[in-house]
Amino acid sequence: RPKVNRDRPHLDRVAVLVVQGVVPLPAIAEYPLAEAASAHRVSELRHLRGKLVLRVR
């Protein structure tokens, strides 16, 4: 992995690139905690590209 600076100016520049659509954000799939088993299956089968979030509330 390349070394990434984590200072404020660098993060501000990344934020601008995200807003401009130059740097895409990963897809986020949300599941309620009651559906954790389904979310786990999706994760195991690698049918998700991006992030998987379990909603607790």
C-alpha atoms as a PDB file:
ATOM      1  CA  ARG A   1       0.000   0.000   0.000  1.00  0.00           C
ATOM      2  CA  PRO A   2       1.229   3.478  -0.721  1.00  0.00           C
ATOM      3  CA  LYS A   3       1.931   5.778   2.182  1.00  0.00           C
ATOM      4  CA  VAL A   4      -1.053   8.085   2.664  1.00  0.00           C
ATOM      5  CA  ASN A   5      -0.774  11.348   4.518  1.00  0.00           C
ATOM      6  CA  ARG A   6      -3.541  11.841   7.015  1.00  0.00           C
ATOM      7  CA  ASP A   7      -3.229  15.531   7.649  1.00  0.00           C
ATOM      8  CA  ARG A   8      -6.096  17.999   7.321  1.00  0.00           C
ATOM      9  CA  PRO A   9      -5.130  19.464   3.910  1.00  0.00           C
ATOM     10  CA  HIS A  10      -4.859  15.980   2.418  1.00  0.00           C
ATOM     11  CA  LEU A  11      -8.238  14.903   3.809  1.00  0.00           C
ATOM     12  CA  ASP A  12      -9.816  18.145   2.575  1.00  0.00           C
ATOM     13  CA  ARG A  13      -8.509  17.408  -0.936  1.00  0.00           C
ATOM     14  CA  VAL A  14      -9.872  13.848  -0.804  1.00  0.00           C
ATOM     15  CA  ALA A  15     -13.261  15.204   0.321  1.00  0.00           C
ATOM     16  CA  VAL A  16     -13.327  17.556  -2.685  1.00  0.00           C
ATOM     17  CA  LEU A  17     -12.526  14.660  -5.029  1.00  0.00           C
ATOM     18  CA  VAL A  18     -15.345  12.587  -3.499  1.00  0.00           C
ATOM     19  CA  VAL A  19     -17.840  15.445  -3.927  1.00  0.00           C
ATOM     20  CA  GLN A  20     -16.696  15.915  -7.553  1.00  0.00           C
ATOM     21  CA  GLY A  21     -17.227  12.208  -8.197  1.00  0.00           C
ATOM     22  CA  VAL A  22     -13.560  11.606  -9.044  1.00  0.00           C
ATOM     23  CA  VAL A  23     -13.120   9.236  -6.095  1.00  0.00           C
ATOM     24  CA  PRO A  24     -16.152   6.955  -5.750  1.00  0.00           C
ATOM     25  CA  LEU A  25     -17.322   5.766  -2.352  1.00  0.00           C
ATOM     26  CA  PRO A  26     -17.961   2.063  -1.830  1.00  0.00           C
ATOM     27  CA  ALA A  27     -21.541   0.830  -1.912  1.00  0.00           C
ATOM     28  CA  ILE A  28     -23.117   0.387   1.526  1.00  0.00           C
ATOM     29  CA  ALA A  29     -25.679  -2.326   2.256  1.00  0.00           C
ATOM     30  CA  GLU A  30     -27.576  -1.888   5.522  1.00  0.00           C
ATOM     31  CA  TYR A  31     -29.314  -4.710   7.361  1.00  0.00           C
ATOM     32  CA  PRO A  32     -31.277  -4.528  10.608  1.00  0.00           C
ATOM     33  CA  LEU A  33     -29.717  -6.563  13.389  1.00  0.00           C
ATOM     34  CA  ALA A  34     -32.663  -8.975  13.175  1.00  0.00           C
ATOM     35  CA  GLU A  35     -31.421  -9.920   9.678  1.00  0.00           C
ATOM     36  CA  ALA A  36     -27.808 -10.514  10.724  1.00  0.00           C
ATOM     37  CA  ALA A  37     -27.914 -14.099   9.429  1.00  0.00           C
ATOM     38  CA  SER A  38     -28.923 -12.890   5.957  1.00  0.00           C
ATOM     39  CA  ALA A  39     -26.222 -10.237   6.005  1.00  0.00           C
ATOM     40  CA  HIS A  40     -23.663 -12.849   7.005  1.00  0.00           C
ATOM     41  CA  ARG A  41     -24.718 -15.101   4.116  1.00  0.00           C
ATOM     42  CA  VAL A  42     -24.338 -12.231   1.653  1.00  0.00           C
ATOM     43  CA  SER A  43     -20.887 -11.526   3.060  1.00  0.00           C
ATOM     44  CA  GLU A  44     -19.816 -15.181   2.942  1.00  0.00           C
ATOM     45  CA  LEU A  45     -21.010 -15.623  -0.639  1.00  0.00           C
ATOM     46  CA  ARG A  46     -19.209 -12.424  -1.649  1.00  0.00           C
ATOM     47  CA  HIS A  47     -22.343 -11.071  -3.321  1.00  0.00           C
ATOM     48  CA  LEU A  48     -21.565  -7.637  -1.970  1.00  0.00           C
ATOM     49  CA  ARG A  49     -19.034  -5.197  -3.260  1.00  0.00           C
ATOM     50  CA  GLY A  50     -18.475  -2.456  -0.715  1.00  0.00           C
ATOM     51  CA  LYS A  51     -19.449  -2.230   2.934  1.00  0.00           C
ATOM     52  CA  LEU A  52     -22.011  -4.136   4.965  1.00  0.00           C
ATOM     53  CA  VAL A  53     -23.549  -2.410   7.993  1.00  0.00           C
ATOM     54  CA  LEU A  54     -25.741  -3.940  10.706  1.00  0.00           C
ATOM     55  CA  ARG A  55     -28.182  -1.405  12.176  1.00  0.00           C
ATOM     56  CA  VAL A  56     -28.532  -1.883  15.919  1.00  0.00           C
ATOM     57  CA  ARG A  57     -31.291   0.679  16.446  1.00  0.00           C
END
